[in-house]
C-alpha atoms as a PDB file:
ATOM      1  CA  MET A   1     155.254 -11.434 190.519  1.00  0.00           C
ATOM      2  CA  SER A   2     151.880 -12.784 189.544  1.00  0.00           C
ATOM      3  CA  THR A   3     151.224 -14.632 186.334  1.00  0.00           C
ATOM      4  CA  PRO A   4     148.118 -14.102 184.249  1.00  0.00           C
ATOM      5  CA  ALA A   5     145.391 -16.661 184.793  1.00  0.00           C
ATOM      6  CA  GLN A   6     145.302 -19.274 182.076  1.00  0.00           C
ATOM      7  CA  SER A   7     142.003 -19.141 180.254  1.00  0.00           C
ATOM      8  CA  THR A   8     140.023 -22.339 180.130  1.00  0.00           C
ATOM      9  CA  PRO A   9     139.068 -23.323 176.588  1.00  0.00           C
ATOM     10  CA  THR A  10     135.380 -23.687 175.831  1.00  0.00           C
ATOM     11  CA  ALA A  11     133.876 -26.916 174.532  1.00  0.00           C
ATOM     12  CA  SER A  12     133.656 -25.338 171.077  1.00  0.00           C
ATOM     13  CA  GLU A  13     137.370 -24.465 171.182  1.00  0.00           C
ATOM     14  CA  ILE A  14     138.367 -27.921 172.460  1.00  0.00           C
ATOM     15  CA  LEU A  15     136.464 -29.690 169.695  1.00  0.00           C
ATOM     16  CA  ALA A  16     137.583 -27.281 166.964  1.00  0.00           C
ATOM     17  CA  ALA A  17     141.225 -27.823 167.970  1.00  0.00           C
ATOM     18  CA  VAL A  18     140.912 -31.550 167.197  1.00  0.00           C
ATOM     19  CA  GLY A  19     138.653 -31.158 164.159  1.00  0.00           C
ATOM     20  CA  VAL A  20     135.496 -32.559 165.747  1.00  0.00           C
ATOM     21  CA  PRO A  21     132.229 -30.841 164.812  1.00  0.00           C
ATOM     22  CA  GLU A  22     130.336 -29.790 167.918  1.00  0.00           C
ATOM     23  CA  ASP A  23     126.932 -31.425 168.400  1.00  0.00           C
ATOM     24  CA  HIS A  24     125.062 -29.012 170.662  1.00  0.00           C
ATOM     25  CA  SER A  25     122.185 -31.489 171.101  1.00  0.00           C
ATOM     26  CA  PHE A  26     124.616 -33.979 172.701  1.00  0.00           C
ATOM     27  CA  TYR A  27     124.826 -31.885 175.882  1.00  0.00           C
ATOM     28  CA  ARG A  28     121.117 -32.269 176.642  1.00  0.00           C
ATOM     29  CA  GLU A  29     120.520 -30.555 180.013  1.00  0.00           C
ATOM     30  CA  PHE A  30     124.253 -30.355 180.860  1.00  0.00           C
ATOM     31  CA  THR A  31     124.895 -26.860 179.553  1.00  0.00           C
ATOM     32  CA  SER A  32     127.308 -25.199 181.973  1.00  0.00           C
ATOM     33  CA  GLU A  33     130.685 -24.449 180.409  1.00  0.00           C
ATOM     34  CA  ARG A  34     132.393 -26.972 182.733  1.00  0.00           C
ATOM     35  CA  GLU A  35     129.898 -29.721 181.919  1.00  0.00           C
ATOM     36  CA  LYS A  36     130.213 -29.081 178.199  1.00  0.00           C
ATOM     37  CA  ALA A  37     134.025 -29.080 178.412  1.00  0.00           C
ATOM     38  CA  VAL A  38     133.994 -32.479 180.146  1.00  0.00           C
ATOM     39  CA  LEU A  39     131.477 -33.800 177.617  1.00  0.00           C
ATOM     40  CA  THR A  40     133.899 -33.092 174.786  1.00  0.00           C
ATOM     41  CA  VAL A  41     135.578 -36.359 175.828  1.00  0.00           C
ATOM     42  CA  PRO A  42     132.678 -38.624 174.773  1.00  0.00           C
ATOM     43  CA  GLN A  43     132.153 -36.494 171.657  1.00  0.00           C
ATOM     44  CA  ARG A  44     135.806 -37.029 170.690  1.00  0.00           C
ATOM     45  CA  ILE A  45     135.433 -40.783 171.287  1.00  0.00           C
ATOM     46  CA  GLN A  46     132.321 -40.868 169.080  1.00  0.00           C
ATOM     47  CA  ALA A  47     134.160 -38.956 166.336  1.00  0.00           C
ATOM     48  CA  ALA A  48     137.117 -41.369 166.526  1.00  0.00           C
ATOM     49  CA  TRP A  49     134.746 -44.337 166.166  1.00  0.00           C
ATOM     50  CA  LEU A  50     133.009 -42.699 163.203  1.00  0.00           C
ATOM     51  CA  ALA A  51     136.388 -42.224 161.507  1.00  0.00           C
ATOM     52  CA  ASN A  52     137.589 -45.683 162.658  1.00  0.00           C
ATOM     53  CA  ASP A  53     140.694 -43.831 163.879  1.00  0.00           C
ATOM     54  CA  ALA A  54     142.554 -45.731 166.607  1.00  0.00           C
ATOM     55  CA  ASP A  55     145.090 -42.919 167.079  1.00  0.00           C
ATOM     56  CA  ALA A  56     142.363 -40.329 167.702  1.00  0.00           C
ATOM     57  CA  PHE A  57     140.548 -42.791 169.983  1.00  0.00           C
ATOM     58  CA  ALA A  58     143.632 -43.504 172.109  1.00  0.00           C
ATOM     59  CA  GLY A  59     144.567 -39.819 172.065  1.00  0.00           C
ATOM     60  CA  VAL A  60     141.534 -39.011 174.219  1.00  0.00           C
ATOM     61  CA  PHE A  61     142.910 -41.193 177.038  1.00  0.00           C
ATOM     62  CA  ALA A  62     145.567 -40.375 179.604  1.00  0.00           C
ATOM     63  CA  GLU A  63     148.773 -42.354 179.009  1.00  0.00           C
ATOM     64  CA  ASN A  64     147.785 -44.649 181.888  1.00  0.00           C
ATOM     65  CA  GLY A  65     144.117 -44.659 180.874  1.00  0.00           C
ATOM     66  CA  SER A  66     141.982 -47.746 181.325  1.00  0.00           C
ATOM     67  CA  LEU A  67     139.346 -49.201 179.001  1.00  0.00           C
ATOM     68  CA  LEU A  68     137.226 -52.250 179.705  1.00  0.00           C
ATOM     69  CA  MET A  69     136.134 -53.370 176.236  1.00  0.00           C
ATOM     70  CA  GLN A  70     134.063 -56.541 176.197  1.00  0.00           C
ATOM     71  CA  ASP A  71     136.137 -58.873 178.408  1.00  0.00           C
ATOM     72  CA  ASP A  72     139.455 -57.107 177.759  1.00  0.00           C
ATOM     73  CA  GLN A  73     140.923 -54.738 180.355  1.00  0.00           C
ATOM     74  CA  LEU A  74     143.304 -52.357 178.605  1.00  0.00           C
ATOM     75  CA  THR A  75     145.552 -50.302 180.874  1.00  0.00           C
ATOM     76  CA  SER A  76     147.442 -47.818 178.723  1.00  0.00           C
ATOM     77  CA  ALA A  77     146.829 -45.537 175.773  1.00  0.00           C
ATOM     78  CA  GLU A  78     149.175 -47.723 173.720  1.00  0.00           C
ATOM     79  CA  GLU A  79     147.230 -50.928 174.524  1.00  0.00           C
ATOM     80  CA  ILE A  80     144.010 -49.087 173.682  1.00  0.00           C
ATOM     81  CA  ARG A  81     145.466 -47.845 170.364  1.00  0.00           C
ATOM     82  CA  SER A  82     146.571 -51.344 169.389  1.00  0.00           C
ATOM     83  CA  TYR A  83     143.276 -52.981 170.384  1.00  0.00           C
ATOM     84  CA  MET A  84     141.119 -50.417 168.593  1.00  0.00           C
ATOM     85  CA  GLY A  85     143.375 -50.463 165.523  1.00  0.00           C
ATOM     86  CA  ALA A  86     142.814 -54.205 165.217  1.00  0.00           C
ATOM     87  CA  GLY A  87     139.101 -53.744 165.903  1.00  0.00           C
ATOM     88  CA  PHE A  88     138.704 -51.046 163.250  1.00  0.00           C
ATOM     89  CA  GLN A  89     140.422 -53.345 160.750  1.00  0.00           C
ATOM     90  CA  GLY A  90     138.285 -56.295 161.852  1.00  0.00           C
ATOM     91  CA  PRO A  91     134.923 -56.599 163.610  1.00  0.00           C
ATOM     92  CA  TYR A  92     134.442 -52.844 164.108  1.00  0.00           C
ATOM     93  CA  ARG A  93     135.298 -51.831 160.515  1.00  0.00           C
ATOM     94  CA  GLY A  94     132.705 -49.243 159.518  1.00  0.00           C
ATOM     95  CA  ALA A  95     131.099 -49.294 162.977  1.00  0.00           C
ATOM     96  CA  HIS A  96     130.440 -46.234 165.083  1.00  0.00           C
ATOM     97  CA  VAL A  97     129.067 -45.440 168.505  1.00  0.00           C
ATOM     98  CA  THR A  98     126.356 -43.112 169.578  1.00  0.00           C
ATOM     99  CA  GLY A  99     125.196 -42.065 172.994  1.00  0.00           C
ATOM    100  CA  TRP A 100     124.165 -39.279 175.283  1.00  0.00           C
ATOM    101  CA  PRO A 101     124.928 -38.182 178.831  1.00  0.00           C
ATOM    102  CA  LEU A 102     122.652 -39.173 181.696  1.00  0.00           C
ATOM    103  CA  GLN A 103     124.710 -37.787 184.579  1.00  0.00           C
ATOM    104  CA  VAL A 104     127.677 -35.456 185.053  1.00  0.00           C
ATOM    105  CA  ASP A 105     129.136 -35.196 188.565  1.00  0.00           C
ATOM    106  CA  PHE A 106     132.223 -33.178 189.417  1.00  0.00           C
ATOM    107  CA  LEU A 107     134.450 -34.928 191.941  1.00  0.00           C
ATOM    108  CA  SER A 108     136.765 -31.915 192.162  1.00  0.00           C
ATOM    109  CA  GLU A 109     137.615 -28.851 190.089  1.00  0.00           C
ATOM    110  CA  ASP A 110     139.615 -31.090 187.739  1.00  0.00           C
ATOM    111  CA  ALA A 111     137.780 -34.434 187.808  1.00  0.00           C
ATOM    112  CA  ALA A 112     134.342 -35.661 186.825  1.00  0.00           C
ATOM    113  CA  MET A 113     132.364 -38.850 186.542  1.00  0.00           C
ATOM    114  CA  VAL A 114     130.018 -39.103 183.573  1.00  0.00           C
ATOM    115  CA  ILE A 115     127.348 -41.734 182.935  1.00  0.00           C
ATOM    116  CA  THR A 116     126.207 -42.211 179.340  1.00  0.00           C
ATOM    117  CA  GLN A 117     123.820 -44.473 177.517  1.00  0.00           C
ATOM    118  CA  GLY A 118     124.290 -45.598 173.947  1.00  0.00           C
ATOM    119  CA  GLY A 119     125.952 -48.373 172.038  1.00  0.00           C
ATOM    120  CA  ILE A 120     127.746 -49.621 168.950  1.00  0.00           C
ATOM    121  CA  ILE A 121     126.099 -49.411 165.548  1.00  0.00           C
ATOM    122  CA  LEU A 122     127.726 -51.912 163.209  1.00  0.00           C
ATOM    123  CA  ASP A 123     128.396 -51.198 159.546  1.00  0.00           C
ATOM    124  CA  GLY A 124     125.138 -51.403 157.604  1.00  0.00           C
ATOM    125  CA  GLU A 125     122.937 -50.848 160.658  1.00  0.00           C
ATOM    126  CA  SER A 126     120.969 -47.670 161.334  1.00  0.00           C
ATOM    127  CA  GLU A 127     120.342 -47.994 165.071  1.00  0.00           C
ATOM    128  CA  ILE A 128     121.711 -49.675 168.174  1.00  0.00           C
ATOM    129  CA  ALA A 129     120.715 -53.341 168.345  1.00  0.00           C
ATOM    130  CA  PRO A 130     119.214 -54.197 171.760  1.00  0.00           C
ATOM    131  CA  GLU A 131     122.091 -56.570 172.549  1.00  0.00           C
ATOM    132  CA  ARG A 132     124.594 -53.719 172.004  1.00  0.00           C
ATOM    133  CA  GLU A 133     122.856 -51.111 174.184  1.00  0.00           C
ATOM    134  CA  ILE A 134     125.122 -50.058 177.039  1.00  0.00           C
ATOM    135  CA  ARG A 135     125.530 -47.700 179.943  1.00  0.00           C
ATOM    136  CA  ALA A 136     129.042 -46.445 180.493  1.00  0.00           C
ATOM    137  CA  THR A 137     130.956 -44.838 183.330  1.00  0.00           C
ATOM    138  CA  TRP A 138     133.648 -42.346 182.359  1.00  0.00           C
ATOM    139  CA  VAL A 139     136.241 -40.969 184.773  1.00  0.00           C
ATOM    140  CA  ILE A 140     137.538 -37.775 183.211  1.00  0.00           C
ATOM    141  CA  ALA A 141     140.208 -35.494 184.657  1.00  0.00           C
ATOM    142  CA  ARG A 142     142.023 -32.387 183.543  1.00  0.00           C
ATOM    143  CA  GLN A 143     145.697 -33.131 183.033  1.00  0.00           C
ATOM    144  CA  ASP A 144     148.059 -30.369 181.911  1.00  0.00           C
ATOM    145  CA  GLY A 145     145.031 -28.233 181.090  1.00  0.00           C
ATOM    146  CA  GLU A 146     143.351 -30.843 178.882  1.00  0.00           C
ATOM    147  CA  TRP A 147     140.388 -33.067 179.721  1.00  0.00           C
ATOM    148  CA  ARG A 148     141.528 -36.706 179.459  1.00  0.00           C
ATOM    149  CA  LEU A 149     139.758 -40.011 179.839  1.00  0.00           C
ATOM    150  CA  PHE A 150     141.237 -42.014 182.713  1.00  0.00           C
ATOM    151  CA  SER A 151     138.743 -44.852 182.852  1.00  0.00           C
ATOM    152  CA  HIS A 152     135.878 -46.077 180.694  1.00  0.00           C
ATOM    153  CA  GLN A 153     133.762 -49.097 181.539  1.00  0.00           C
ATOM    154  CA  SER A 154     130.533 -50.141 179.881  1.00  0.00           C
ATOM    155  CA  SER A 155     127.895 -52.685 180.787  1.00  0.00           C
ATOM    156  CA  PRO A 156     125.098 -54.088 178.660  1.00  0.00           C
ATOM    157  CA  ILE A 157     121.638 -52.822 179.502  1.00  0.00           C
ATOM    158  CA  LYS A 158     120.033 -56.119 178.564  1.00  0.00           C
ATOM    159  CA  GLY A 159     121.473 -59.236 180.118  1.00  0.00           C
END
């Protein structure tokens, strides 16, 4: 007996399900449905930063997700939640991130590597300060039908 194929949600559906407004300009030249679905991950991270919501931020990661933040290597969604919760109550209060994709490469049907450029905009600032400009590598994979962040690492563009 065959089972009906599970439909793959669109980027619009993925973002609507978590209450994140879709920014169509974010996709730039990456406009295939697969590329846009993968790029919902950075959009969800940006929305979590804007809301200073550590739960939403950590919820984008796989349970064993990894985040290199400054000099801290965090290796689980729970560590990430705790770290970002403290950050949003402290030095990142009112801060948000912005960025855009530079590269989207599919490693398999269910895994992609994304390169973005952007940075942190601190409370009271209107643009990324040169010392906070970064490029980031995102390893994103579909787990149980949902695109999850498995690894995020950023490096400063300037020194």
